[in-house]
């Protein structure tokens, strides 16, 4: 029987790569995003991450009698700025909507759709393990995402029994937007999206390879070699 993957943010750069990789390896793939995903077996579009839209996703997936074996939240974004930057509060709202609220919406979806013993993954950020004065809103919302990972790992966190909650914390992903924004960077020190998808597939397919519940896994690439570290 085919296993089921759901990616919140499945039409973005990272989400699309995860969908493609799992589908190629025989999984049934579901994308939930603001845009349609042409690669996913089932693509559900939402207007926002509000309760009405999220509950509608739950109803649609339940109506198809699908249970999710691996859930990945690949939604999110970045903006810089310190507290003195013009437009600072607008950037705060943007990061709350893109990063924090998407993680909280993912938690709701996972609580209702994930199989017992399933894998639940949120995307945090290695930068948020330290101070981020030049991008306060980004760092704060990603640090809060790490907190959610830990909360969901608790017995009363809301995920089904025996589920594993994990946070993945990239340093720099090799995405088109990052290349456009940093064209002179050393791309050999950026993590390819396929490598992330491969690791998530490994954790999904081999339960013994999974990090412990509540883990935050930082990954960083140097000279095309990626290390994965439980922080």
C-alpha atoms as a PDB file:
ATOM      1  CA  UNK A   1       0.000   0.000   0.000  1.00  0.00           C
ATOM      2  CA  UNK A   2       1.323   3.430  -0.970  1.00  0.00           C
ATOM      3  CA  UNK A   3       2.231   5.777   1.844  1.00  0.00           C
ATOM      4  CA  UNK A   4       1.007   9.358   1.974  1.00  0.00           C
ATOM      5  CA  UNK A   5       3.037  12.576   2.174  1.00  0.00           C
ATOM      6  CA  UNK A   6       1.505  15.995   2.845  1.00  0.00           C
ATOM      7  CA  UNK A   7       3.552  19.140   2.293  1.00  0.00           C
ATOM      8  CA  UNK A   8       2.267  22.491   3.502  1.00  0.00           C
ATOM      9  CA  UNK A   9       3.952  24.867   1.066  1.00  0.00           C
ATOM     10  CA  UNK A  10       4.178  22.179  -1.598  1.00  0.00           C
ATOM     11  CA  UNK A  11       4.456  24.608  -4.507  1.00  0.00           C
ATOM     12  CA  UNK A  12       7.480  26.508  -3.140  1.00  0.00           C
ATOM     13  CA  UNK A  13      11.077  25.656  -4.002  1.00  0.00           C
ATOM     14  CA  UNK A  14      11.734  23.280  -1.099  1.00  0.00           C
ATOM     15  CA  UNK A  15       8.197  21.916  -0.942  1.00  0.00           C
ATOM     16  CA  UNK A  16       8.086  21.142  -4.668  1.00  0.00           C
ATOM     17  CA  UNK A  17      11.385  19.252  -4.466  1.00  0.00           C
ATOM     18  CA  UNK A  18      10.126  17.171  -1.541  1.00  0.00           C
ATOM     19  CA  UNK A  19       6.882  16.376  -3.380  1.00  0.00           C
ATOM     20  CA  UNK A  20       8.796  15.372  -6.522  1.00  0.00           C
ATOM     21  CA  UNK A  21      11.278  13.172  -4.678  1.00  0.00           C
ATOM     22  CA  UNK A  22       8.672  11.269  -2.654  1.00  0.00           C
ATOM     23  CA  UNK A  23       6.428  10.827  -5.705  1.00  0.00           C
ATOM     24  CA  UNK A  24       9.332   9.431  -7.720  1.00  0.00           C
ATOM     25  CA  UNK A  25       9.835   6.901  -4.938  1.00  0.00           C
ATOM     26  CA  UNK A  26       6.260   5.662  -5.012  1.00  0.00           C
ATOM     27  CA  UNK A  27       4.556   7.779  -2.361  1.00  0.00           C
ATOM     28  CA  UNK A  28       1.152   9.391  -2.802  1.00  0.00           C
ATOM     29  CA  UNK A  29       1.773  13.146  -2.537  1.00  0.00           C
ATOM     30  CA  UNK A  30      -0.488  15.946  -1.333  1.00  0.00           C
ATOM     31  CA  UNK A  31       0.319  19.645  -1.583  1.00  0.00           C
ATOM     32  CA  UNK A  32      -1.430  22.398   0.368  1.00  0.00           C
ATOM     33  CA  UNK A  33      -0.433  25.900  -0.698  1.00  0.00           C
ATOM     34  CA  UNK A  34      -1.660  29.224  -2.033  1.00  0.00           C
ATOM     35  CA  UNK A  35      -0.772  28.019  -5.540  1.00  0.00           C
ATOM     36  CA  UNK A  36      -1.512  24.796  -7.351  1.00  0.00           C
ATOM     37  CA  UNK A  37       1.197  22.123  -7.410  1.00  0.00           C
ATOM     38  CA  UNK A  38       1.362  20.433 -10.827  1.00  0.00           C
ATOM     39  CA  UNK A  39       3.574  17.637  -9.448  1.00  0.00           C
ATOM     40  CA  UNK A  40       1.461  16.486  -6.501  1.00  0.00           C
ATOM     41  CA  UNK A  41      -1.100  13.706  -6.840  1.00  0.00           C
ATOM     42  CA  UNK A  42      -3.549  15.905  -4.943  1.00  0.00           C
ATOM     43  CA  UNK A  43      -3.147  19.688  -4.865  1.00  0.00           C
ATOM     44  CA  UNK A  44      -5.304  21.716  -2.484  1.00  0.00           C
ATOM     45  CA  UNK A  45      -5.147  25.510  -2.728  1.00  0.00           C
ATOM     46  CA  UNK A  46      -5.970  27.769   0.206  1.00  0.00           C
ATOM     47  CA  UNK A  47      -6.551  31.510   0.453  1.00  0.00           C
ATOM     48  CA  UNK A  48      -4.798  31.863   3.804  1.00  0.00           C
ATOM     49  CA  UNK A  49      -3.769  29.861   6.870  1.00  0.00           C
ATOM     50  CA  UNK A  50      -6.907  30.801   8.793  1.00  0.00           C
ATOM     51  CA  UNK A  51      -9.066  28.351  10.676  1.00  0.00           C
ATOM     52  CA  UNK A  52     -11.769  28.108   8.012  1.00  0.00           C
ATOM     53  CA  UNK A  53      -9.297  27.237   5.252  1.00  0.00           C
ATOM     54  CA  UNK A  54      -7.363  24.757   7.400  1.00  0.00           C
ATOM     55  CA  UNK A  55     -10.548  23.027   8.543  1.00  0.00           C
ATOM     56  CA  UNK A  56     -11.600  22.785   4.892  1.00  0.00           C
ATOM     57  CA  UNK A  57      -8.334  20.977   4.083  1.00  0.00           C
ATOM     58  CA  UNK A  58      -8.955  18.546   6.945  1.00  0.00           C
ATOM     59  CA  UNK A  59     -12.467  17.832   5.663  1.00  0.00           C
ATOM     60  CA  UNK A  60     -11.316  17.284   2.077  1.00  0.00           C
ATOM     61  CA  UNK A  61      -8.534  14.870   3.030  1.00  0.00           C
ATOM     62  CA  UNK A  62     -10.771  12.995   5.466  1.00  0.00           C
ATOM     63  CA  UNK A  63     -13.419  12.682   2.741  1.00  0.00           C
ATOM     64  CA  UNK A  64     -10.856  10.789   0.647  1.00  0.00           C
ATOM     65  CA  UNK A  65     -10.101   8.532   3.628  1.00  0.00           C
ATOM     66  CA  UNK A  66      -6.423   9.453   3.549  1.00  0.00           C
ATOM     67  CA  UNK A  67      -4.114   9.298   6.556  1.00  0.00           C
ATOM     68  CA  UNK A  68      -0.760  11.026   6.417  1.00  0.00           C
ATOM     69  CA  UNK A  69       2.440   9.087   7.112  1.00  0.00           C
ATOM     70  CA  UNK A  70       4.803  12.059   6.764  1.00  0.00           C
ATOM     71  CA  UNK A  71       3.841  15.710   7.149  1.00  0.00           C
ATOM     72  CA  UNK A  72       6.302  18.462   6.193  1.00  0.00           C
ATOM     73  CA  UNK A  73       5.788  22.189   6.623  1.00  0.00           C
ATOM     74  CA  UNK A  74       7.979  23.805   3.973  1.00  0.00           C
ATOM     75  CA  UNK A  75       6.078  27.109   4.026  1.00  0.00           C
ATOM     76  CA  UNK A  76       7.830  30.266   5.135  1.00  0.00           C
ATOM     77  CA  UNK A  77       9.905  33.227   4.086  1.00  0.00           C
ATOM     78  CA  UNK A  78      12.564  35.742   5.064  1.00  0.00           C
ATOM     79  CA  UNK A  79      12.835  39.448   5.650  1.00  0.00           C
ATOM     80  CA  UNK A  80      15.560  41.470   7.325  1.00  0.00           C
ATOM     81  CA  UNK A  81      15.569  44.537   9.536  1.00  0.00           C
ATOM     82  CA  UNK A  82      16.295  45.654  13.084  1.00  0.00           C
ATOM     83  CA  UNK A  83      13.927  47.569  15.377  1.00  0.00           C
ATOM     84  CA  UNK A  84      14.961  50.914  13.860  1.00  0.00           C
ATOM     85  CA  UNK A  85      14.363  49.874  10.246  1.00  0.00           C
ATOM     86  CA  UNK A  86      11.571  51.654   8.377  1.00  0.00           C
ATOM     87  CA  UNK A  87       8.679  49.253   7.935  1.00  0.00           C
ATOM     88  CA  UNK A  88       9.862  47.133  10.859  1.00  0.00           C
ATOM     89  CA  UNK A  89       6.376  46.361  12.206  1.00  0.00           C
ATOM     90  CA  UNK A  90       5.174  45.450   8.728  1.00  0.00           C
ATOM     91  CA  UNK A  91       8.036  42.947   8.515  1.00  0.00           C
ATOM     92  CA  UNK A  92       6.997  41.532  11.885  1.00  0.00           C
ATOM     93  CA  UNK A  93       3.462  40.895  10.651  1.00  0.00           C
ATOM     94  CA  UNK A  94       4.789  39.366   7.427  1.00  0.00           C
ATOM     95  CA  UNK A  95       7.050  36.933   9.301  1.00  0.00           C
ATOM     96  CA  UNK A  96       4.308  35.986  11.751  1.00  0.00           C
ATOM     97  CA  UNK A  97       1.996  35.154   8.841  1.00  0.00           C
ATOM     98  CA  UNK A  98       4.605  33.343   6.726  1.00  0.00           C
ATOM     99  CA  UNK A  99       6.610  31.517   9.392  1.00  0.00           C
ATOM    100  CA  UNK A 100       4.841  31.322  12.734  1.00  0.00           C
ATOM    101  CA  UNK A 101       1.233  31.021  11.635  1.00  0.00           C
ATOM    102  CA  UNK A 102       2.106  28.457   8.978  1.00  0.00           C
ATOM    103  CA  UNK A 103       3.847  26.346  11.642  1.00  0.00           C
ATOM    104  CA  UNK A 104       0.831  26.608  13.935  1.00  0.00           C
ATOM    105  CA  UNK A 105      -1.509  25.729  11.061  1.00  0.00           C
ATOM    106  CA  UNK A 106       0.705  22.745  10.252  1.00  0.00           C
ATOM    107  CA  UNK A 107       0.398  21.595  13.858  1.00  0.00           C
ATOM    108  CA  UNK A 108      -3.375  21.699  13.564  1.00  0.00           C
ATOM    109  CA  UNK A 109      -3.323  19.719  10.319  1.00  0.00           C
ATOM    110  CA  UNK A 110      -0.895  17.182  11.761  1.00  0.00           C
ATOM    111  CA  UNK A 111      -3.021  16.672  14.860  1.00  0.00           C
ATOM    112  CA  UNK A 112      -6.016  15.721  12.722  1.00  0.00           C
ATOM    113  CA  UNK A 113      -4.440  13.940   9.745  1.00  0.00           C
ATOM    114  CA  UNK A 114      -1.200  12.238  10.802  1.00  0.00           C
ATOM    115  CA  UNK A 115      -1.115   8.484  11.271  1.00  0.00           C
ATOM    116  CA  UNK A 116      -0.151   7.025  14.613  1.00  0.00           C
ATOM    117  CA  UNK A 117       3.629   6.730  14.549  1.00  0.00           C
ATOM    118  CA  UNK A 118       3.892   9.258  11.729  1.00  0.00           C
ATOM    119  CA  UNK A 119       6.652  11.770  11.082  1.00  0.00           C
ATOM    120  CA  UNK A 120       5.926  15.493  11.530  1.00  0.00           C
ATOM    121  CA  UNK A 121       8.518  18.027  10.316  1.00  0.00           C
ATOM    122  CA  UNK A 122       8.650  21.804  10.730  1.00  0.00           C
ATOM    123  CA  UNK A 123      11.240  24.009   9.017  1.00  0.00           C
ATOM    124  CA  UNK A 124      13.094  26.213  11.469  1.00  0.00           C
ATOM    125  CA  UNK A 125      16.408  28.007  10.963  1.00  0.00           C
ATOM    126  CA  UNK A 126      19.933  27.519  12.261  1.00  0.00           C
ATOM    127  CA  UNK A 127      20.265  31.300  12.587  1.00  0.00           C
ATOM    128  CA  UNK A 128      17.473  31.357  15.178  1.00  0.00           C
ATOM    129  CA  UNK A 129      19.605  29.335  17.598  1.00  0.00           C
ATOM    130  CA  UNK A 130      21.487  32.607  18.237  1.00  0.00           C
ATOM    131  CA  UNK A 131      20.775  36.334  18.288  1.00  0.00           C
ATOM    132  CA  UNK A 132      19.502  37.792  15.009  1.00  0.00           C
ATOM    133  CA  UNK A 133      19.526  41.586  15.507  1.00  0.00           C
ATOM    134  CA  UNK A 134      19.697  42.266  11.767  1.00  0.00           C
ATOM    135  CA  UNK A 135      16.562  40.203  11.114  1.00  0.00           C
ATOM    136  CA  UNK A 136      14.628  40.291  14.364  1.00  0.00           C
ATOM    137  CA  UNK A 137      11.232  39.211  13.048  1.00  0.00           C
ATOM    138  CA  UNK A 138      12.654  36.272  11.108  1.00  0.00           C
ATOM    139  CA  UNK A 139      14.724  35.041  14.041  1.00  0.00           C
ATOM    140  CA  UNK A 140      11.876  35.419  16.517  1.00  0.00           C
ATOM    141  CA  UNK A 141       9.352  33.504  14.405  1.00  0.00           C
ATOM    142  CA  UNK A 142      11.803  30.708  13.628  1.00  0.00           C
ATOM    143  CA  UNK A 143      12.764  30.417  17.312  1.00  0.00           C
ATOM    144  CA  UNK A 144       9.048  30.120  18.063  1.00  0.00           C
ATOM    145  CA  UNK A 145       8.834  27.377  15.432  1.00  0.00           C
ATOM    146  CA  UNK A 146      11.528  25.455  17.333  1.00  0.00           C
ATOM    147  CA  UNK A 147       9.390  25.845  20.449  1.00  0.00           C
ATOM    148  CA  UNK A 148       6.394  24.341  18.626  1.00  0.00           C
ATOM    149  CA  UNK A 149       8.481  21.313  17.635  1.00  0.00           C
ATOM    150  CA  UNK A 150       9.229  20.716  21.312  1.00  0.00           C
ATOM    151  CA  UNK A 151       5.611  21.239  22.358  1.00  0.00           C
ATOM    152  CA  UNK A 152       4.327  18.748  19.805  1.00  0.00           C
ATOM    153  CA  UNK A 153       6.805  16.162  21.080  1.00  0.00           C
ATOM    154  CA  UNK A 154       5.097  16.211  24.479  1.00  0.00           C
ATOM    155  CA  UNK A 155       2.479  13.514  25.249  1.00  0.00           C
ATOM    156  CA  UNK A 156      -0.245  16.179  25.418  1.00  0.00           C
ATOM    157  CA  UNK A 157       1.021  18.166  22.424  1.00  0.00           C
ATOM    158  CA  UNK A 158      -1.810  17.010  20.167  1.00  0.00           C
ATOM    159  CA  UNK A 159      -0.098  14.740  17.636  1.00  0.00           C
ATOM    160  CA  UNK A 160      -1.207  11.087  17.410  1.00  0.00           C
ATOM    161  CA  UNK A 161       0.463   8.508  19.636  1.00  0.00           C
ATOM    162  CA  UNK A 162       4.030   7.438  18.815  1.00  0.00           C
ATOM    163  CA  UNK A 163       4.449  10.298  16.308  1.00  0.00           C
ATOM    164  CA  UNK A 164       7.845  11.950  15.926  1.00  0.00           C
ATOM    165  CA  UNK A 165       8.049  15.766  15.849  1.00  0.00           C
ATOM    166  CA  UNK A 166      11.268  17.103  14.293  1.00  0.00           C
ATOM    167  CA  UNK A 167      12.588  20.502  13.289  1.00  0.00           C
ATOM    168  CA  UNK A 168      14.997  20.875  10.375  1.00  0.00           C
ATOM    169  CA  UNK A 169      17.252  23.925  10.666  1.00  0.00           C
ATOM    170  CA  UNK A 170      18.991  24.898   7.418  1.00  0.00           C
ATOM    171  CA  UNK A 171      21.861  27.356   7.231  1.00  0.00           C
ATOM    172  CA  UNK A 172      21.482  28.240   3.531  1.00  0.00           C
ATOM    173  CA  UNK A 173      19.351  26.378   1.004  1.00  0.00           C
ATOM    174  CA  UNK A 174      20.268  26.421  -2.675  1.00  0.00           C
ATOM    175  CA  UNK A 175      17.079  27.995  -4.023  1.00  0.00           C
ATOM    176  CA  UNK A 176      16.496  30.243  -7.042  1.00  0.00           C
ATOM    177  CA  UNK A 177      15.534  33.161  -4.778  1.00  0.00           C
ATOM    178  CA  UNK A 178      18.719  32.801  -2.718  1.00  0.00           C
ATOM    179  CA  UNK A 179      20.842  32.678  -5.862  1.00  0.00           C
ATOM    180  CA  UNK A 180      19.092  35.783  -7.153  1.00  0.00           C
ATOM    181  CA  UNK A 181      19.613  37.623  -3.870  1.00  0.00           C
ATOM    182  CA  UNK A 182      23.241  36.491  -3.351  1.00  0.00           C
ATOM    183  CA  UNK A 183      24.654  35.936  -6.853  1.00  0.00           C
ATOM    184  CA  UNK A 184      28.290  36.150  -5.746  1.00  0.00           C
ATOM    185  CA  UNK A 185      28.059  33.597  -2.933  1.00  0.00           C
ATOM    186  CA  UNK A 186      29.895  30.269  -2.906  1.00  0.00           C
ATOM    187  CA  UNK A 187      27.138  27.871  -3.911  1.00  0.00           C
ATOM    188  CA  UNK A 188      29.278  24.890  -2.873  1.00  0.00           C
ATOM    189  CA  UNK A 189      28.420  25.904   0.704  1.00  0.00           C
ATOM    190  CA  UNK A 190      24.667  25.829   0.116  1.00  0.00           C
ATOM    191  CA  UNK A 191      22.547  22.733   0.700  1.00  0.00           C
ATOM    192  CA  UNK A 192      20.868  21.324  -2.444  1.00  0.00           C
ATOM    193  CA  UNK A 193      17.114  20.889  -2.080  1.00  0.00           C
ATOM    194  CA  UNK A 194      17.324  17.279  -3.258  1.00  0.00           C
ATOM    195  CA  UNK A 195      19.610  16.496  -0.339  1.00  0.00           C
ATOM    196  CA  UNK A 196      16.956  17.717   2.098  1.00  0.00           C
ATOM    197  CA  UNK A 197      14.286  15.685   0.326  1.00  0.00           C
ATOM    198  CA  UNK A 198      16.536  12.615   0.425  1.00  0.00           C
ATOM    199  CA  UNK A 199      17.051  12.919   4.184  1.00  0.00           C
ATOM    200  CA  UNK A 200      13.329  13.344   4.839  1.00  0.00           C
ATOM    201  CA  UNK A 201      12.615  10.320   2.676  1.00  0.00           C
ATOM    202  CA  UNK A 202      15.157   8.288   4.649  1.00  0.00           C
ATOM    203  CA  UNK A 203      13.530   9.242   7.944  1.00  0.00           C
ATOM    204  CA  UNK A 204      10.095   8.469   6.494  1.00  0.00           C
ATOM    205  CA  UNK A 205      11.001   5.088   5.040  1.00  0.00           C
ATOM    206  CA  UNK A 206      13.219   3.790   7.848  1.00  0.00           C
ATOM    207  CA  UNK A 207      11.772   4.562  11.268  1.00  0.00           C
ATOM    208  CA  UNK A 208      15.013   3.474  12.950  1.00  0.00           C
ATOM    209  CA  UNK A 209      16.866   6.305  11.163  1.00  0.00           C
ATOM    210  CA  UNK A 210      14.650   9.035  12.599  1.00  0.00           C
ATOM    211  CA  UNK A 211      15.874  11.568  15.133  1.00  0.00           C
ATOM    212  CA  UNK A 212      14.395  11.317  18.599  1.00  0.00           C
ATOM    213  CA  UNK A 213      11.079  13.031  19.273  1.00  0.00           C
ATOM    214  CA  UNK A 214      11.485  16.790  19.671  1.00  0.00           C
ATOM    215  CA  UNK A 215      14.882  16.974  17.954  1.00  0.00           C
ATOM    216  CA  UNK A 216      16.137  20.080  16.200  1.00  0.00           C
ATOM    217  CA  UNK A 217      18.427  18.999  13.359  1.00  0.00           C
ATOM    218  CA  UNK A 218      20.770  21.654  11.997  1.00  0.00           C
ATOM    219  CA  UNK A 219      22.283  20.995   8.592  1.00  0.00           C
ATOM    220  CA  UNK A 220      25.074  22.849   6.892  1.00  0.00           C
ATOM    221  CA  UNK A 221      26.994  22.297   3.668  1.00  0.00           C
ATOM    222  CA  UNK A 222      30.701  22.980   3.202  1.00  0.00           C
ATOM    223  CA  UNK A 223      32.417  22.264  -0.130  1.00  0.00           C
ATOM    224  CA  UNK A 224      29.408  20.198  -1.249  1.00  0.00           C
ATOM    225  CA  UNK A 225      29.446  18.024   1.888  1.00  0.00           C
ATOM    226  CA  UNK A 226      26.453  18.322   4.219  1.00  0.00           C
ATOM    227  CA  UNK A 227      26.533  17.592   7.942  1.00  0.00           C
ATOM    228  CA  UNK A 228      23.399  16.919  10.003  1.00  0.00           C
ATOM    229  CA  UNK A 229      23.698  17.765  13.698  1.00  0.00           C
ATOM    230  CA  UNK A 230      21.206  17.310  16.530  1.00  0.00           C
ATOM    231  CA  UNK A 231      21.340  20.578  18.469  1.00  0.00           C
END
